[in-house]
Protein backbone atom coordinates (compact mmCIF):
# COMPACT_ATOMS: atom_id res chain seq x y z
CA MET A 1 -0.87 13.64 17.61
CA ASP A 2 2.18 14.73 15.64
CA GLY A 3 2.86 17.47 13.11
CA ASN A 4 1.61 20.72 14.62
CA GLY A 5 4.93 22.50 14.18
CA ARG A 6 5.44 21.34 10.60
CA TRP A 7 1.86 22.30 9.73
CA ALA A 8 2.57 25.84 10.93
CA GLN A 9 5.97 25.97 9.24
CA GLN A 10 4.47 25.00 5.88
CA ARG A 11 2.21 28.05 6.20
CA SER A 12 4.95 30.39 7.46
CA LEU A 13 3.12 30.65 10.78
CA PRO A 14 4.44 30.43 14.35
CA ARG A 15 4.37 26.99 15.98
CA THR A 16 1.62 28.20 18.28
CA SER A 17 -0.70 28.43 15.26
CA GLY A 18 -0.21 24.70 14.73
CA HIS A 19 -1.15 24.00 18.32
CA LEU A 20 -4.26 26.16 17.97
CA ALA A 21 -5.27 24.26 14.85
CA ALA A 22 -4.84 20.94 16.69
CA GLU A 23 -7.95 21.42 18.82
CA THR A 24 -10.47 20.71 16.06
CA PRO A 25 -9.13 17.24 15.17
CA VAL A 26 -9.05 16.28 18.85
CA ILE A 27 -12.80 16.76 19.19
CA ASP A 28 -13.42 15.25 15.74
CA VAL A 29 -11.52 12.08 16.62
CA ILE A 30 -13.17 11.76 20.04
CA GLU A 31 -16.63 11.98 18.44
CA SER A 32 -15.67 9.59 15.63
CA ALA A 33 -14.22 7.05 18.04
CA ARG A 34 -17.30 7.14 20.23
CA SER A 35 -19.61 6.76 17.22
CA ALA A 36 -17.52 3.83 15.95
CA GLY A 37 -17.91 1.99 19.25
CA VAL A 38 -14.37 2.51 20.52
CA ARG A 39 -14.44 1.96 24.27
CA TRP A 40 -10.94 3.19 25.14
CA LEU A 41 -9.20 6.13 23.45
CA SER A 42 -5.85 7.57 24.53
CA LEU A 43 -4.39 10.83 23.23
CA PHE A 44 -0.72 11.70 23.71
CA ALA A 45 -0.84 15.44 24.36
CA PHE A 46 2.41 16.27 26.20
CA SER A 47 5.36 14.07 27.06
CA THR A 48 7.91 14.23 29.85
CA GLU A 49 10.42 15.16 27.14
CA ASN A 50 8.30 18.09 25.92
CA TRP A 51 9.46 20.11 28.94
CA ARG A 52 12.63 20.68 26.91
CA ARG A 53 10.76 22.96 24.54
CA PRO A 54 11.09 26.77 24.73
CA SER A 55 9.39 28.18 27.82
CA GLY A 56 7.17 30.46 25.73
CA GLU A 57 5.78 27.51 23.79
CA ILE A 58 5.21 25.53 26.98
CA ASP A 59 3.36 28.42 28.59
CA PHE A 60 1.17 28.75 25.50
CA LEU A 61 0.38 25.02 25.53
CA MET A 62 -0.59 25.11 29.19
CA ARG A 63 -3.00 28.00 28.58
CA LEU A 64 -4.38 26.32 25.46
CA VAL A 65 -4.99 23.01 27.19
CA ARG A 66 -6.71 24.73 30.10
CA ARG A 67 -9.00 26.62 27.77
CA ALA A 68 -9.82 23.43 25.85
CA VAL A 69 -10.57 21.46 29.02
CA ARG A 70 -12.92 24.09 30.36
CA LYS A 71 -14.56 24.60 26.96
CA HIS A 72 -15.24 20.95 26.18
CA ALA A 73 -15.95 19.54 29.65
CA PRO A 74 -19.76 19.88 29.29
CA LEU A 75 -19.74 18.10 25.91
CA LEU A 76 -17.55 15.26 27.13
CA HIS A 77 -19.75 14.75 30.14
CA ALA A 78 -22.94 14.90 28.06
CA ARG A 79 -21.52 12.21 25.77
CA GLY A 80 -20.98 9.90 28.74
CA ILE A 81 -17.19 9.96 28.35
CA ARG A 82 -15.01 9.23 31.37
CA CYS A 83 -11.91 11.44 31.24
CA ARG A 84 -8.57 10.64 32.83
CA PHE A 85 -5.11 12.22 32.71
CA LEU A 86 -2.10 9.93 32.56
CA GLY A 87 0.94 11.62 34.08
CA ALA A 88 0.20 15.20 35.18
CA ALA A 89 2.61 14.82 38.09
CA ASP A 90 5.22 17.50 37.38
CA PRO A 91 5.09 20.51 39.72
CA ARG A 92 5.69 22.76 36.70
CA ILE A 93 2.09 22.15 35.61
CA PRO A 94 0.22 25.33 36.60
CA ALA A 95 -1.98 24.78 39.66
CA PRO A 96 -5.16 26.04 37.92
CA LEU A 97 -4.64 23.52 35.10
CA ALA A 98 -4.04 20.70 37.58
CA ARG A 99 -7.29 21.64 39.33
CA ASP A 100 -9.16 21.61 36.01
CA PHE A 101 -7.80 18.13 35.31
CA ALA A 102 -8.98 16.94 38.72
CA ASP A 103 -12.38 18.61 38.30
CA LEU A 104 -12.94 16.98 34.91
CA MET A 105 -12.03 13.54 36.26
CA THR A 106 -14.45 14.03 39.14
CA LEU A 107 -17.23 15.31 36.87
CA THR A 108 -16.97 12.39 34.45
CA GLY A 109 -15.80 9.67 36.85
CA ALA A 110 -19.07 7.72 36.78
CA ASN A 111 -19.47 7.83 33.00
CA ARG A 112 -19.13 4.57 31.12
CA GLY A 113 -19.78 5.49 27.49
CA MET A 114 -16.07 5.62 26.60
CA THR A 115 -12.86 6.16 28.55
CA LEU A 116 -10.72 9.01 27.23
CA THR A 117 -7.20 9.04 28.61
CA VAL A 118 -5.16 12.15 27.91
CA ALA A 119 -1.46 11.45 28.35
CA PHE A 120 -0.15 14.75 29.66
CA ASP A 121 3.32 14.99 31.17
CA HIS A 122 3.47 11.29 30.38
CA GLY A 123 6.47 9.02 29.99
CA GLY A 124 6.23 5.26 29.57
CA ARG A 125 9.59 4.61 31.21
CA ARG A 126 8.62 6.72 34.22
CA ASP A 127 5.41 4.71 34.64
CA ILE A 128 7.38 1.45 34.66
CA VAL A 129 9.89 2.80 37.18
CA GLU A 130 7.08 4.03 39.43
CA ALA A 131 5.38 0.62 39.23
CA ALA A 132 8.64 -1.06 40.28
CA ARG A 133 8.96 1.34 43.22
CA SER A 134 5.36 0.64 44.22
CA LEU A 135 6.02 -3.10 44.20
CA ILE A 136 9.08 -2.65 46.41
CA ARG A 137 7.21 -0.42 48.84
CA SER A 138 4.43 -3.02 48.99
CA GLY A 139 6.95 -5.66 50.04
CA VAL A 140 6.14 -8.04 47.17
CA PRO A 141 8.82 -10.80 47.10
CA ALA A 142 10.87 -10.84 43.93
CA ASP A 143 9.78 -14.37 43.05
CA ALA A 144 6.14 -13.31 43.33
CA VAL A 145 6.43 -10.56 40.73
CA ASP A 146 4.74 -11.48 37.47
CA GLU A 147 3.19 -9.50 34.63
CA ARG A 148 -0.23 -9.45 36.25
CA ASN A 149 0.75 -7.95 39.57
CA PHE A 150 3.32 -5.66 37.98
CA ALA A 151 0.60 -4.20 35.75
CA ALA A 152 -1.58 -3.72 38.83
CA HIS A 153 0.93 -1.13 40.07
CA LEU A 154 0.89 0.94 36.88
CA PRO A 155 -1.23 4.11 36.73
CA PHE A 156 -4.88 3.28 35.98
CA PRO A 157 -4.37 -0.50 36.19
CA ASP A 158 -7.76 -1.17 34.59
CA THR A 159 -6.40 0.18 31.29
CA PRO A 160 -6.36 -2.65 28.73
CA ASP A 161 -3.48 -3.37 26.39
CA VAL A 162 -3.40 -1.06 23.40
CA ASP A 163 -4.78 -2.59 20.20
CA LEU A 164 -3.94 0.18 17.74
CA VAL A 165 -1.52 3.10 17.79
CA ILE A 166 -2.02 5.87 15.24
CA ARG A 167 0.88 8.28 14.84
CA THR A 168 0.18 11.09 12.42
CA SER A 169 2.61 13.00 10.18
CA GLY A 170 4.46 9.90 8.99
CA GLU A 171 6.84 9.74 11.96
CA GLN A 172 7.55 6.15 12.98
CA ARG A 173 8.65 6.18 16.61
CA ILE A 174 7.15 5.04 19.91
CA SER A 175 8.36 8.19 21.71
CA ASN A 176 8.00 6.71 25.20
CA PHE A 177 4.24 6.24 24.89
CA MET A 178 2.52 3.70 27.19
CA LEU A 179 5.45 1.31 26.78
CA TRP A 180 3.93 -1.50 28.84
CA HIS A 181 0.58 -1.40 27.05
CA VAL A 182 1.80 -1.25 23.42
CA ALA A 183 3.70 -4.56 23.56
CA TYR A 184 1.41 -6.16 20.95
CA ALA A 185 -0.20 -3.10 19.43
CA GLU A 186 -0.75 -2.68 15.72
CA TRP A 187 0.70 0.54 14.29
CA VAL A 188 -0.51 2.87 11.56
CA PHE A 189 1.49 5.89 10.35
CA PRO A 190 -0.74 8.15 8.24
CA PRO A 191 1.27 10.91 6.53
CA VAL A 192 -1.30 13.62 7.27
CA LEU A 193 -0.23 16.22 9.83
CA TRP A 194 -2.33 16.27 12.99
CA PRO A 195 -4.07 19.65 12.39
CA ASP A 196 -5.43 18.21 9.12
CA PHE A 197 -6.46 14.86 10.62
CA ARG A 198 -10.22 14.30 10.57
CA ALA A 199 -12.82 11.58 11.05
CA PRO A 200 -12.31 9.99 7.59
CA HIS A 201 -8.58 9.56 8.33
CA PHE A 202 -9.38 8.01 11.70
CA LEU A 203 -11.93 5.61 10.23
CA GLU A 204 -9.44 4.58 7.54
CA CYS A 205 -6.97 3.69 10.30
CA LEU A 206 -9.66 1.56 11.95
CA ARG A 207 -10.33 -0.20 8.64
CA ALA A 208 -6.62 -0.93 8.25
CA TYR A 209 -6.55 -2.38 11.76
CA ARG A 210 -9.53 -4.64 11.07
CA HIS A 211 -7.60 -6.24 8.21
CA ARG A 212 -4.56 -7.06 10.31
CA GLU A 213 -3.90 -10.65 11.37
CA ARG A 214 -2.85 -10.69 15.00
CA ARG A 215 -0.96 -13.79 16.16
CA PHE A 216 0.39 -12.58 19.52
CA GLY A 217 3.49 -14.70 19.02
CA GLY A 218 1.51 -17.80 18.05
CA VAL A 219 0.54 -19.35 14.74
CA THR A 220 -3.25 -18.99 14.80
CA PRO A 221 -4.22 -15.80 12.98
CA TYR A 222 -6.41 -13.41 14.92
CA ALA A 223 -8.50 -10.56 13.67
CA ASN A 224 -8.88 -7.81 16.25
CA GLY A 225 -7.95 -10.28 18.97
CA GLU A 226 -10.60 -12.86 18.01
CA PRO A 227 -9.88 -16.15 16.19
CA HIS A 228 -10.99 -16.39 12.61
CA PRO A 229 -13.93 -18.78 12.14
């Protein structure tokens, strides 16, 4: 979800105004994904690298995210959405926000309508390092390590591989996002800045994905992971 700062700059507004404007498209995309039958949706909200930002902006983001979580928790639960937070391990996260994350996961834990993963204080490299440490602590012999049991030590090991990554604002970088899971993902880079991103933009990205041929290193073309008839 990229472009909040540039959106604000184009309007001669503080960066915080861009973050405020980012809330509407979050809910719009969640509702659109659910209506379109998407079963797994992940939103990259705050990276391990974002701690480098000015302290005032970080404090604002923490307050904004807490307000959004508390505001939208009833709607997410009513929609049958299971909510999870990928990362959220840094002690700099305010304790009240960490409790709200835990409360939302508990509230929605039994829901099966859609799984919404919010990557917050997330870093793909850190997840891979932590999985390696977990394997070592578990005493798994080196020769027994394969992709399947390595993935089992990643956070939320039931998370499937990513099919489609949408990065708004035209930026074309991975930015340390779910590095293990995006190995064979399709990518779309819409130029629209995140605060202006709405359901029609999201659905257009889905249409673009449906027209991709996915070979997964082979020669048989696949559409959305299924062989063409």
